[in-house]
Amino acid sequence: MHELSLIADLMRKLEDLARQHGARRITRVQVRLGALSHISPEHFREHFEEAARGTVAEGAALDIRVSTDLNDPHAQDILLESVEIEEAIP
């Protein structure tokens, strides 16, 4: 269940970023899975797609990098590295 709370936190961050930038939708998300995050890229993708349904991140391209550094202070985390947005037309 640890990964579900990490993905929920990621979705909150994406929604906040979209709101702050007046984004119509998020088109690309790049994340890094920590070595101790206990989630595979495939499993993360499934959870992300499910969590993104009905949000500004639905349909976003997903770039997933995996860290193997067990000593990284973020080894247990899913880190949001970059986001591309489609801004709303004024």
N, C-alpha and C. Protein backbone atom coordinates (compact mmCIF):
# COMPACT_ATOMS: atom_id res chain seq x y z
N MET A 1 0.80 -1.20 0.00
CA MET A 1 0.00 0.00 0.00
C MET A 1 0.85 1.27 0.00
N HIS A 2 2.13 1.13 0.33
CA HIS A 2 3.03 2.27 0.35
C HIS A 2 3.03 2.99 -1.00
N GLU A 3 3.06 2.21 -2.09
CA GLU A 3 3.11 2.82 -3.42
C GLU A 3 1.83 3.59 -3.73
N LEU A 4 0.69 3.14 -3.22
CA LEU A 4 -0.55 3.85 -3.48
C LEU A 4 -0.54 5.24 -2.85
N SER A 5 0.02 5.36 -1.65
CA SER A 5 0.10 6.68 -1.03
C SER A 5 1.09 7.57 -1.77
N LEU A 6 2.16 6.98 -2.31
CA LEU A 6 3.12 7.76 -3.09
C LEU A 6 2.48 8.27 -4.38
N ILE A 7 1.69 7.44 -5.02
CA ILE A 7 1.03 7.85 -6.27
C ILE A 7 -0.05 8.90 -5.97
N ALA A 8 -0.78 8.74 -4.88
CA ALA A 8 -1.78 9.75 -4.49
C ALA A 8 -1.10 11.09 -4.24
N ASP A 9 0.06 11.07 -3.60
CA ASP A 9 0.81 12.30 -3.35
C ASP A 9 1.27 12.93 -4.68
N LEU A 10 1.73 12.09 -5.59
CA LEU A 10 2.15 12.57 -6.91
C LEU A 10 0.98 13.22 -7.64
N MET A 11 -0.18 12.62 -7.59
CA MET A 11 -1.35 13.17 -8.28
C MET A 11 -1.75 14.52 -7.67
N ARG A 12 -1.63 14.66 -6.36
CA ARG A 12 -1.91 15.96 -5.71
C ARG A 12 -0.94 17.02 -6.22
N LYS A 13 0.34 16.64 -6.34
CA LYS A 13 1.34 17.58 -6.84
C LYS A 13 1.02 18.00 -8.27
N LEU A 14 0.63 17.05 -9.10
CA LEU A 14 0.30 17.36 -10.50
C LEU A 14 -0.91 18.29 -10.59
N GLU A 15 -1.93 18.00 -9.80
CA GLU A 15 -3.12 18.86 -9.79
C GLU A 15 -2.76 20.27 -9.32
N ASP A 16 -1.92 20.39 -8.29
CA ASP A 16 -1.49 21.70 -7.80
C ASP A 16 -0.71 22.46 -8.86
N LEU A 17 0.23 21.78 -9.53
CA LEU A 17 1.01 22.42 -10.59
C LEU A 17 0.11 22.90 -11.72
N ALA A 18 -0.82 22.07 -12.11
CA ALA A 18 -1.74 22.45 -13.19
C ALA A 18 -2.54 23.68 -12.80
N ARG A 19 -3.03 23.70 -11.58
CA ARG A 19 -3.82 24.83 -11.09
C ARG A 19 -2.96 26.11 -11.05
N GLN A 20 -1.74 26.00 -10.53
CA GLN A 20 -0.84 27.16 -10.42
C GLN A 20 -0.51 27.77 -11.77
N HIS A 21 -0.42 26.93 -12.80
CA HIS A 21 -0.01 27.39 -14.12
C HIS A 21 -1.18 27.55 -15.08
N GLY A 22 -2.39 27.40 -14.59
CA GLY A 22 -3.56 27.53 -15.44
C GLY A 22 -3.55 26.52 -16.58
N ALA A 23 -3.06 25.33 -16.30
CA ALA A 23 -2.93 24.30 -17.33
C ALA A 23 -4.29 23.70 -17.67
N ARG A 24 -4.50 23.50 -18.95
CA ARG A 24 -5.69 22.80 -19.41
C ARG A 24 -5.52 21.31 -19.19
N ARG A 25 -4.30 20.86 -19.45
CA ARG A 25 -3.99 19.45 -19.17
C ARG A 25 -2.49 19.26 -19.07
N ILE A 26 -2.10 18.17 -18.47
CA ILE A 26 -0.70 17.78 -18.36
C ILE A 26 -0.45 16.79 -19.50
N THR A 27 0.59 17.06 -20.29
CA THR A 27 0.85 16.23 -21.46
C THR A 27 1.96 15.21 -21.26
N ARG A 28 2.89 15.48 -20.35
CA ARG A 28 4.00 14.55 -20.11
C ARG A 28 4.44 14.68 -18.66
N VAL A 29 4.77 13.54 -18.07
CA VAL A 29 5.25 13.48 -16.69
C VAL A 29 6.50 12.61 -16.67
N GLN A 30 7.56 13.12 -16.05
CA GLN A 30 8.76 12.31 -15.87
C GLN A 30 8.96 12.08 -14.39
N VAL A 31 9.10 10.81 -14.01
CA VAL A 31 9.31 10.46 -12.61
C VAL A 31 10.54 9.57 -12.48
N ARG A 32 11.07 9.56 -11.25
CA ARG A 32 12.17 8.65 -10.92
C ARG A 32 11.70 7.78 -9.76
N LEU A 33 11.76 6.48 -9.96
CA LEU A 33 11.40 5.55 -8.91
C LEU A 33 12.65 5.24 -8.08
N GLY A 34 12.57 5.50 -6.80
CA GLY A 34 13.70 5.21 -5.92
C GLY A 34 13.96 3.72 -5.85
N ALA A 35 15.21 3.37 -5.56
CA ALA A 35 15.62 1.97 -5.49
C ALA A 35 14.82 1.18 -4.45
N LEU A 36 14.32 1.85 -3.44
CA LEU A 36 13.56 1.18 -2.38
C LEU A 36 12.08 1.55 -2.40
N SER A 37 11.61 2.05 -3.52
CA SER A 37 10.19 2.44 -3.61
C SER A 37 9.28 1.23 -3.74
N HIS A 38 9.85 0.07 -4.04
CA HIS A 38 9.12 -1.20 -4.11
C HIS A 38 8.02 -1.21 -5.16
N ILE A 39 8.30 -0.58 -6.30
CA ILE A 39 7.33 -0.60 -7.39
C ILE A 39 8.08 -0.66 -8.71
N SER A 40 7.64 -1.53 -9.58
CA SER A 40 8.28 -1.64 -10.89
C SER A 40 7.71 -0.58 -11.82
N PRO A 41 8.43 -0.24 -12.87
CA PRO A 41 7.90 0.74 -13.83
C PRO A 41 6.53 0.32 -14.39
N GLU A 42 6.35 -0.96 -14.68
CA GLU A 42 5.08 -1.43 -15.23
C GLU A 42 3.95 -1.26 -14.23
N HIS A 43 4.22 -1.62 -12.99
CA HIS A 43 3.22 -1.48 -11.93
C HIS A 43 2.91 0.00 -11.69
N PHE A 44 3.95 0.82 -11.69
CA PHE A 44 3.73 2.26 -11.51
C PHE A 44 2.85 2.79 -12.63
N ARG A 45 3.13 2.42 -13.87
CA ARG A 45 2.35 2.89 -15.02
C ARG A 45 0.86 2.54 -14.85
N GLU A 46 0.59 1.30 -14.43
CA GLU A 46 -0.80 0.88 -14.22
C GLU A 46 -1.48 1.76 -13.18
N HIS A 47 -0.82 1.95 -12.05
CA HIS A 47 -1.39 2.77 -10.97
C HIS A 47 -1.55 4.22 -11.41
N PHE A 48 -0.57 4.75 -12.13
CA PHE A 48 -0.64 6.13 -12.59
C PHE A 48 -1.84 6.31 -13.52
N GLU A 49 -1.98 5.43 -14.49
CA GLU A 49 -3.08 5.56 -15.45
C GLU A 49 -4.43 5.49 -14.75
N GLU A 50 -4.54 4.62 -13.76
CA GLU A 50 -5.79 4.52 -13.01
C GLU A 50 -6.04 5.79 -12.19
N ALA A 51 -5.01 6.28 -11.52
CA ALA A 51 -5.16 7.48 -10.69
C ALA A 51 -5.41 8.73 -11.52
N ALA A 52 -4.90 8.76 -12.75
CA ALA A 52 -5.03 9.95 -13.59
C ALA A 52 -6.39 10.05 -14.28
N ARG A 53 -7.15 8.95 -14.32
CA ARG A 53 -8.45 8.99 -14.98
C ARG A 53 -9.31 10.10 -14.42
N GLY A 54 -9.82 10.94 -15.33
CA GLY A 54 -10.70 12.03 -14.92
C GLY A 54 -9.98 13.25 -14.38
N THR A 55 -8.64 13.27 -14.46
CA THR A 55 -7.87 14.42 -13.98
C THR A 55 -7.18 15.10 -15.16
N VAL A 56 -6.50 16.20 -14.89
CA VAL A 56 -5.75 16.90 -15.94
C VAL A 56 -4.58 16.08 -16.45
N ALA A 57 -4.22 15.02 -15.75
CA ALA A 57 -3.09 14.18 -16.16
C ALA A 57 -3.54 12.96 -16.98
N GLU A 58 -4.83 12.81 -17.20
CA GLU A 58 -5.30 11.66 -17.98
C GLU A 58 -4.71 11.71 -19.38
N GLY A 59 -4.14 10.61 -19.81
CA GLY A 59 -3.56 10.51 -21.15
C GLY A 59 -2.15 11.08 -21.27
N ALA A 60 -1.59 11.56 -20.18
CA ALA A 60 -0.23 12.12 -20.22
C ALA A 60 0.78 11.04 -20.57
N ALA A 61 1.77 11.41 -21.38
CA ALA A 61 2.89 10.50 -21.64
C ALA A 61 3.67 10.37 -20.34
N LEU A 62 4.17 9.19 -20.09
CA LEU A 62 4.84 8.93 -18.83
C LEU A 62 6.25 8.42 -19.09
N ASP A 63 7.24 9.16 -18.60
CA ASP A 63 8.64 8.75 -18.69
C ASP A 63 9.07 8.32 -17.29
N ILE A 64 9.51 7.08 -17.19
CA ILE A 64 9.86 6.52 -15.88
C ILE A 64 11.34 6.15 -15.88
N ARG A 65 12.06 6.73 -14.93
CA ARG A 65 13.46 6.34 -14.71
C ARG A 65 13.52 5.59 -13.39
N VAL A 66 14.44 4.66 -13.32
CA VAL A 66 14.58 3.86 -12.10
C VAL A 66 15.98 4.07 -11.54
N SER A 67 16.03 4.45 -10.27
CA SER A 67 17.30 4.62 -9.58
C SER A 67 17.70 3.29 -8.94
N THR A 68 18.98 3.02 -8.94
CA THR A 68 19.48 1.81 -8.26
C THR A 68 20.32 2.16 -7.04
N ASP A 69 20.39 3.45 -6.72
CA ASP A 69 21.21 3.93 -5.62
C ASP A 69 20.49 3.73 -4.28
N LEU A 70 20.88 2.69 -3.56
CA LEU A 70 20.26 2.39 -2.27
C LEU A 70 20.58 3.43 -1.21
N ASN A 71 21.64 4.21 -1.41
CA ASN A 71 22.04 5.22 -0.43
C ASN A 71 21.45 6.59 -0.70
N ASP A 72 20.72 6.73 -1.78
CA ASP A 72 20.06 8.00 -2.11
C ASP A 72 19.07 8.32 -1.00
N PRO A 73 19.07 9.56 -0.50
CA PRO A 73 18.12 9.92 0.56
C PRO A 73 16.65 9.79 0.11
N HIS A 74 16.42 9.72 -1.20
CA HIS A 74 15.07 9.57 -1.73
C HIS A 74 14.82 8.16 -2.26
N ALA A 75 15.58 7.19 -1.79
CA ALA A 75 15.49 5.82 -2.30
C ALA A 75 14.11 5.20 -2.11
N GLN A 76 13.32 5.69 -1.15
CA GLN A 76 11.99 5.13 -0.91
C GLN A 76 10.90 5.90 -1.63
N ASP A 77 11.28 6.91 -2.38
CA ASP A 77 10.29 7.83 -2.95
C ASP A 77 10.07 7.64 -4.44
N ILE A 78 8.97 8.22 -4.89
CA ILE A 78 8.71 8.43 -6.30
C ILE A 78 8.86 9.93 -6.50
N LEU A 79 9.87 10.32 -7.27
CA LEU A 79 10.19 11.73 -7.42
C LEU A 79 9.67 12.27 -8.74
N LEU A 80 8.99 13.38 -8.68
CA LEU A 80 8.52 14.08 -9.86
C LEU A 80 9.68 14.89 -10.39
N GLU A 81 10.15 14.56 -11.60
CA GLU A 81 11.32 15.24 -12.15
C GLU A 81 10.94 16.35 -13.12
N SER A 82 9.93 16.15 -13.93
CA SER A 82 9.49 17.23 -14.83
C SER A 82 8.05 16.98 -15.27
N VAL A 83 7.42 18.08 -15.68
CA VAL A 83 6.03 18.05 -16.13
C VAL A 83 5.90 18.98 -17.33
N GLU A 84 5.23 18.52 -18.35
CA GLU A 84 4.90 19.38 -19.49
C GLU A 84 3.39 19.61 -19.45
N ILE A 85 3.00 20.86 -19.67
CA ILE A 85 1.59 21.20 -19.58
C ILE A 85 1.12 21.85 -20.88
N GLU A 86 -0.18 21.77 -21.07
CA GLU A 86 -0.84 22.48 -22.16
C GLU A 86 -1.63 23.58 -21.48
N GLU A 87 -1.24 24.80 -21.74
CA GLU A 87 -1.88 25.91 -21.06
C GLU A 87 -3.26 26.16 -21.65
N ALA A 88 -4.13 26.65 -20.79
CA ALA A 88 -5.48 27.00 -21.24
C ALA A 88 -5.40 28.21 -22.15
N ILE A 89 -6.25 28.24 -23.13
CA ILE A 89 -6.31 29.40 -24.04
C ILE A 89 -7.13 30.48 -23.36
N PRO A 90 -6.55 31.69 -23.24
CA PRO A 90 -7.27 32.76 -22.53
C PRO A 90 -8.54 33.19 -23.23
